[in-house]
Amino acid sequence: MSRLQGVLLAVVFVLSAGSSGLFAWPRPALAQARADSFRKEFDEVCAKTADAMTLSTGELRTLVERSDRLVPLLQGLSEPERKVYAKRLLGCRNVYAFVLESRHEH
């Protein structure tokens, strides 16, 4: 086997290796960056549930909207994390939505 054939064979192997190949290293880093971004936004959104009754109507609407925008970002998490965060996010959103609805009933 010539040197050129060896190099071409190595390139084909690396490219065909998929997620375990040389060119796959940014994918986990990108997924981790997205997960970190999600968690930061999640923490900010859900941090105010205990104070929901004291928040303005505008703040509550914004928190409901932010909660809704987080849902597609759940796809970047592993399945167990996705399930846990989806349930927790729904709980936070429901608190804000309940307070909003209770204000409109009175």
N, C-alpha and C. Protein backbone atom coordinates (compact mmCIF):
# COMPACT_ATOMS: atom_id res chain seq x y z
N MET A 1 0.86 -1.17 0.00
CA MET A 1 0.00 0.00 0.00
C MET A 1 0.90 1.23 0.00
N SER A 2 0.59 2.15 -0.90
CA SER A 2 1.38 3.38 -0.98
C SER A 2 1.02 4.31 0.18
N ARG A 3 1.84 5.30 0.38
CA ARG A 3 1.60 6.28 1.45
C ARG A 3 0.28 7.02 1.20
N LEU A 4 0.01 7.41 -0.07
CA LEU A 4 -1.22 8.11 -0.41
C LEU A 4 -2.43 7.24 -0.12
N GLN A 5 -2.36 5.95 -0.46
CA GLN A 5 -3.47 5.05 -0.17
C GLN A 5 -3.71 4.94 1.34
N GLY A 6 -2.65 4.91 2.11
CA GLY A 6 -2.77 4.83 3.56
C GLY A 6 -3.44 6.07 4.13
N VAL A 7 -3.06 7.25 3.62
CA VAL A 7 -3.66 8.50 4.09
C VAL A 7 -5.14 8.54 3.71
N LEU A 8 -5.46 8.16 2.46
CA LEU A 8 -6.86 8.14 2.03
C LEU A 8 -7.68 7.16 2.86
N LEU A 9 -7.13 6.01 3.16
CA LEU A 9 -7.82 5.03 3.97
C LEU A 9 -8.08 5.58 5.38
N ALA A 10 -7.11 6.29 5.93
CA ALA A 10 -7.27 6.89 7.26
C ALA A 10 -8.35 7.96 7.24
N VAL A 11 -8.39 8.77 6.19
CA VAL A 11 -9.41 9.82 6.07
C VAL A 11 -10.80 9.19 5.95
N VAL A 12 -10.92 8.16 5.14
CA VAL A 12 -12.21 7.48 4.99
C VAL A 12 -12.64 6.88 6.32
N PHE A 13 -11.73 6.29 7.07
CA PHE A 13 -12.07 5.71 8.36
C PHE A 13 -12.57 6.78 9.32
N VAL A 14 -11.87 7.90 9.39
CA VAL A 14 -12.25 8.98 10.31
C VAL A 14 -13.61 9.54 9.93
N LEU A 15 -13.83 9.76 8.64
CA LEU A 15 -15.11 10.31 8.20
C LEU A 15 -16.26 9.34 8.40
N SER A 16 -15.99 8.06 8.29
CA SER A 16 -17.06 7.08 8.44
C SER A 16 -17.29 6.70 9.89
N ALA A 17 -16.45 7.15 10.79
CA ALA A 17 -16.57 6.77 12.20
C ALA A 17 -17.75 7.45 12.88
N GLY A 18 -18.33 8.44 12.23
CA GLY A 18 -19.52 9.10 12.78
C GLY A 18 -19.23 9.83 14.07
N SER A 19 -20.05 9.58 15.08
CA SER A 19 -19.94 10.34 16.33
C SER A 19 -18.67 10.02 17.10
N SER A 20 -17.99 8.91 16.78
CA SER A 20 -16.76 8.60 17.50
C SER A 20 -15.53 9.07 16.73
N GLY A 21 -15.71 9.69 15.58
CA GLY A 21 -14.60 10.12 14.76
C GLY A 21 -14.02 11.45 15.18
N LEU A 22 -12.97 11.81 14.51
CA LEU A 22 -12.24 13.04 14.80
C LEU A 22 -13.09 14.27 14.63
N PHE A 23 -13.98 14.29 13.64
CA PHE A 23 -14.75 15.48 13.34
C PHE A 23 -16.01 15.61 14.20
N ALA A 24 -16.22 14.71 15.11
CA ALA A 24 -17.43 14.75 15.93
C ALA A 24 -17.23 15.50 17.24
N TRP A 25 -16.01 15.89 17.58
CA TRP A 25 -15.80 16.48 18.90
C TRP A 25 -16.58 17.75 19.17
N PRO A 26 -16.90 18.60 18.20
CA PRO A 26 -17.67 19.79 18.55
C PRO A 26 -19.13 19.49 18.92
N ARG A 27 -19.67 18.39 18.44
CA ARG A 27 -21.08 18.10 18.71
C ARG A 27 -21.37 17.97 20.21
N PRO A 28 -20.60 17.17 20.96
CA PRO A 28 -20.87 17.12 22.39
C PRO A 28 -20.64 18.47 23.07
N ALA A 29 -19.64 19.21 22.63
CA ALA A 29 -19.38 20.52 23.21
C ALA A 29 -20.54 21.46 22.93
N LEU A 30 -21.07 21.42 21.72
CA LEU A 30 -22.21 22.25 21.36
C LEU A 30 -23.45 21.84 22.15
N ALA A 31 -23.67 20.56 22.28
CA ALA A 31 -24.81 20.07 23.05
C ALA A 31 -24.69 20.50 24.51
N GLN A 32 -23.48 20.45 25.05
CA GLN A 32 -23.27 20.86 26.44
C GLN A 32 -23.51 22.36 26.60
N ALA A 33 -23.08 23.15 25.63
CA ALA A 33 -23.30 24.60 25.69
C ALA A 33 -24.80 24.90 25.65
N ARG A 34 -25.53 24.19 24.81
CA ARG A 34 -26.99 24.39 24.74
C ARG A 34 -27.65 23.97 26.05
N ALA A 35 -27.20 22.86 26.63
CA ALA A 35 -27.76 22.39 27.89
C ALA A 35 -27.49 23.40 29.00
N ASP A 36 -26.28 23.96 29.03
CA ASP A 36 -25.94 24.96 30.04
C ASP A 36 -26.79 26.20 29.87
N SER A 37 -26.99 26.62 28.63
CA SER A 37 -27.83 27.78 28.34
C SER A 37 -29.26 27.52 28.77
N PHE A 38 -29.76 26.33 28.49
CA PHE A 38 -31.10 25.94 28.89
C PHE A 38 -31.24 26.01 30.40
N ARG A 39 -30.27 25.43 31.11
CA ARG A 39 -30.36 25.38 32.57
C ARG A 39 -30.33 26.77 33.19
N LYS A 40 -29.55 27.66 32.62
CA LYS A 40 -29.49 29.03 33.14
C LYS A 40 -30.85 29.70 32.98
N GLU A 41 -31.43 29.59 31.80
CA GLU A 41 -32.75 30.19 31.55
C GLU A 41 -33.82 29.51 32.41
N PHE A 42 -33.73 28.19 32.53
CA PHE A 42 -34.68 27.45 33.35
C PHE A 42 -34.62 27.93 34.80
N ASP A 43 -33.42 28.06 35.34
CA ASP A 43 -33.26 28.52 36.71
C ASP A 43 -33.84 29.91 36.92
N GLU A 44 -33.61 30.80 35.95
CA GLU A 44 -34.14 32.16 36.05
C GLU A 44 -35.67 32.17 35.99
N VAL A 45 -36.23 31.37 35.12
CA VAL A 45 -37.69 31.34 34.97
C VAL A 45 -38.35 30.74 36.22
N CYS A 46 -37.84 29.63 36.69
CA CYS A 46 -38.49 28.94 37.81
C CYS A 46 -38.12 29.51 39.18
N ALA A 47 -37.20 30.43 39.23
CA ALA A 47 -36.77 31.00 40.51
C ALA A 47 -37.85 31.84 41.18
N LYS A 48 -38.84 32.27 40.44
CA LYS A 48 -39.82 33.21 40.98
C LYS A 48 -41.16 32.59 41.33
N THR A 49 -41.26 31.28 41.34
CA THR A 49 -42.55 30.65 41.62
C THR A 49 -43.06 30.97 43.02
N ALA A 50 -42.16 31.05 43.99
CA ALA A 50 -42.58 31.34 45.37
C ALA A 50 -43.13 32.76 45.51
N ASP A 51 -42.72 33.65 44.61
CA ASP A 51 -43.16 35.04 44.65
C ASP A 51 -44.22 35.36 43.61
N ALA A 52 -44.82 34.34 43.02
CA ALA A 52 -45.74 34.55 41.90
C ALA A 52 -46.89 35.49 42.24
N MET A 53 -47.40 35.43 43.46
CA MET A 53 -48.53 36.27 43.84
C MET A 53 -48.16 37.75 43.91
N THR A 54 -46.89 38.06 44.09
CA THR A 54 -46.47 39.45 44.20
C THR A 54 -46.00 40.04 42.88
N LEU A 55 -45.87 39.21 41.84
CA LEU A 55 -45.40 39.69 40.55
C LEU A 55 -46.51 40.42 39.81
N SER A 56 -46.10 41.36 38.97
CA SER A 56 -47.10 42.08 38.17
C SER A 56 -47.64 41.15 37.08
N THR A 57 -48.76 41.53 36.52
CA THR A 57 -49.37 40.75 35.45
C THR A 57 -48.42 40.66 34.26
N GLY A 58 -47.73 41.73 33.95
CA GLY A 58 -46.77 41.72 32.84
C GLY A 58 -45.62 40.76 33.09
N GLU A 59 -45.12 40.76 34.33
CA GLU A 59 -44.03 39.83 34.67
C GLU A 59 -44.49 38.39 34.55
N LEU A 60 -45.71 38.13 35.00
CA LEU A 60 -46.24 36.76 34.91
C LEU A 60 -46.39 36.33 33.46
N ARG A 61 -46.90 37.20 32.62
CA ARG A 61 -47.04 36.87 31.19
C ARG A 61 -45.68 36.59 30.58
N THR A 62 -44.70 37.40 30.92
CA THR A 62 -43.35 37.20 30.39
C THR A 62 -42.78 35.85 30.83
N LEU A 63 -43.00 35.49 32.09
CA LEU A 63 -42.50 34.21 32.58
C LEU A 63 -43.20 33.02 31.91
N VAL A 64 -44.49 33.15 31.63
CA VAL A 64 -45.20 32.10 30.90
C VAL A 64 -44.62 31.97 29.48
N GLU A 65 -44.38 33.10 28.82
CA GLU A 65 -43.81 33.08 27.47
C GLU A 65 -42.40 32.50 27.48
N ARG A 66 -41.59 32.87 28.46
CA ARG A 66 -40.24 32.32 28.56
C ARG A 66 -40.29 30.82 28.80
N SER A 67 -41.24 30.37 29.60
CA SER A 67 -41.42 28.93 29.84
C SER A 67 -41.74 28.22 28.53
N ASP A 68 -42.63 28.79 27.75
CA ASP A 68 -43.01 28.19 26.47
C ASP A 68 -41.84 28.14 25.50
N ARG A 69 -40.99 29.16 25.52
CA ARG A 69 -39.83 29.17 24.63
C ARG A 69 -38.77 28.16 25.04
N LEU A 70 -38.78 27.73 26.28
CA LEU A 70 -37.81 26.73 26.74
C LEU A 70 -38.14 25.31 26.28
N VAL A 71 -39.39 25.05 26.00
CA VAL A 71 -39.82 23.68 25.66
C VAL A 71 -39.02 23.09 24.50
N PRO A 72 -38.83 23.79 23.38
CA PRO A 72 -38.05 23.17 22.29
C PRO A 72 -36.59 22.90 22.68
N LEU A 73 -36.06 23.66 23.62
CA LEU A 73 -34.68 23.46 24.03
C LEU A 73 -34.49 22.19 24.85
N LEU A 74 -35.58 21.63 25.33
CA LEU A 74 -35.50 20.37 26.06
C LEU A 74 -34.94 19.24 25.19
N GLN A 75 -35.12 19.36 23.89
CA GLN A 75 -34.67 18.31 22.97
C GLN A 75 -33.16 18.10 23.01
N GLY A 76 -32.41 19.10 23.47
CA GLY A 76 -30.97 18.97 23.55
C GLY A 76 -30.49 18.20 24.77
N LEU A 77 -31.40 17.82 25.65
CA LEU A 77 -31.02 17.12 26.87
C LEU A 77 -31.16 15.61 26.70
N SER A 78 -30.50 14.87 27.56
CA SER A 78 -30.66 13.41 27.55
C SER A 78 -32.09 13.08 27.98
N GLU A 79 -32.53 11.87 27.69
CA GLU A 79 -33.92 11.52 27.96
C GLU A 79 -34.31 11.66 29.43
N PRO A 80 -33.51 11.16 30.37
CA PRO A 80 -33.91 11.33 31.77
C PRO A 80 -33.98 12.81 32.18
N GLU A 81 -32.99 13.59 31.75
CA GLU A 81 -33.01 15.02 32.06
C GLU A 81 -34.22 15.70 31.42
N ARG A 82 -34.49 15.33 30.17
CA ARG A 82 -35.61 15.93 29.44
C ARG A 82 -36.92 15.70 30.20
N LYS A 83 -37.13 14.50 30.69
CA LYS A 83 -38.36 14.19 31.42
C LYS A 83 -38.46 14.99 32.72
N VAL A 84 -37.37 15.05 33.45
CA VAL A 84 -37.37 15.77 34.73
C VAL A 84 -37.60 17.25 34.51
N TYR A 85 -36.84 17.84 33.59
CA TYR A 85 -36.97 19.28 33.36
C TYR A 85 -38.31 19.64 32.73
N ALA A 86 -38.85 18.77 31.90
CA ALA A 86 -40.16 19.04 31.30
C ALA A 86 -41.23 19.11 32.38
N LYS A 87 -41.18 18.18 33.32
CA LYS A 87 -42.17 18.17 34.41
C LYS A 87 -41.99 19.40 35.31
N ARG A 88 -40.77 19.73 35.63
CA ARG A 88 -40.51 20.89 36.49
C ARG A 88 -40.90 22.19 35.79
N LEU A 89 -40.58 22.29 34.51
CA LEU A 89 -40.91 23.49 33.75
C LEU A 89 -42.43 23.66 33.65
N LEU A 90 -43.13 22.57 33.41
CA LEU A 90 -44.59 22.63 33.36
C LEU A 90 -45.16 23.09 34.70
N GLY A 91 -44.58 22.62 35.78
CA GLY A 91 -45.03 23.04 37.10
C GLY A 91 -44.84 24.54 37.31
N CYS A 92 -43.68 25.06 36.93
CA CYS A 92 -43.42 26.50 37.05
C CYS A 92 -44.41 27.30 36.20
N ARG A 93 -44.57 26.87 34.97
CA ARG A 93 -45.47 27.57 34.06
C ARG A 93 -46.89 27.57 34.60
N ASN A 94 -47.31 26.42 35.14
CA ASN A 94 -48.66 26.32 35.67
C ASN A 94 -48.90 27.25 36.86
N VAL A 95 -47.89 27.45 37.68
CA VAL A 95 -48.03 28.38 38.80
C VAL A 95 -48.29 29.78 38.28
N TYR A 96 -47.46 30.21 37.32
CA TYR A 96 -47.62 31.56 36.76
C TYR A 96 -48.97 31.72 36.05
N ALA A 97 -49.36 30.71 35.28
CA ALA A 97 -50.63 30.76 34.56
C ALA A 97 -51.81 30.77 35.53
N PHE A 98 -51.72 30.01 36.61
CA PHE A 98 -52.80 29.99 37.60
C PHE A 98 -52.98 31.36 38.24
N VAL A 99 -51.88 32.00 38.60
CA VAL A 99 -51.98 33.33 39.22
C VAL A 99 -52.58 34.32 38.22
N LEU A 100 -52.15 34.23 36.96
CA LEU A 100 -52.73 35.11 35.93
C LEU A 100 -54.23 34.89 35.80
N GLU A 101 -54.64 33.64 35.72
CA GLU A 101 -56.07 33.32 35.57
C GLU A 101 -56.87 33.77 36.79
N SER A 102 -56.30 33.61 37.97
CA SER A 102 -57.03 33.99 39.18
C SER A 102 -57.22 35.50 39.25
N ARG A 103 -56.31 36.25 38.67
CA ARG A 103 -56.46 37.71 38.65
C ARG A 103 -57.57 38.14 37.69
N HIS A 104 -57.75 37.40 36.62
CA HIS A 104 -58.79 37.75 35.64
C HIS A 104 -60.18 37.34 36.12
N GLU A 105 -60.26 36.40 37.05
CA GLU A 105 -61.54 35.96 37.57
C GLU A 105 -62.14 36.95 38.57
N HIS A 106 -61.29 37.75 39.19
CA HIS A 106 -61.77 38.70 40.21
C HIS A 106 -62.06 40.05 39.63
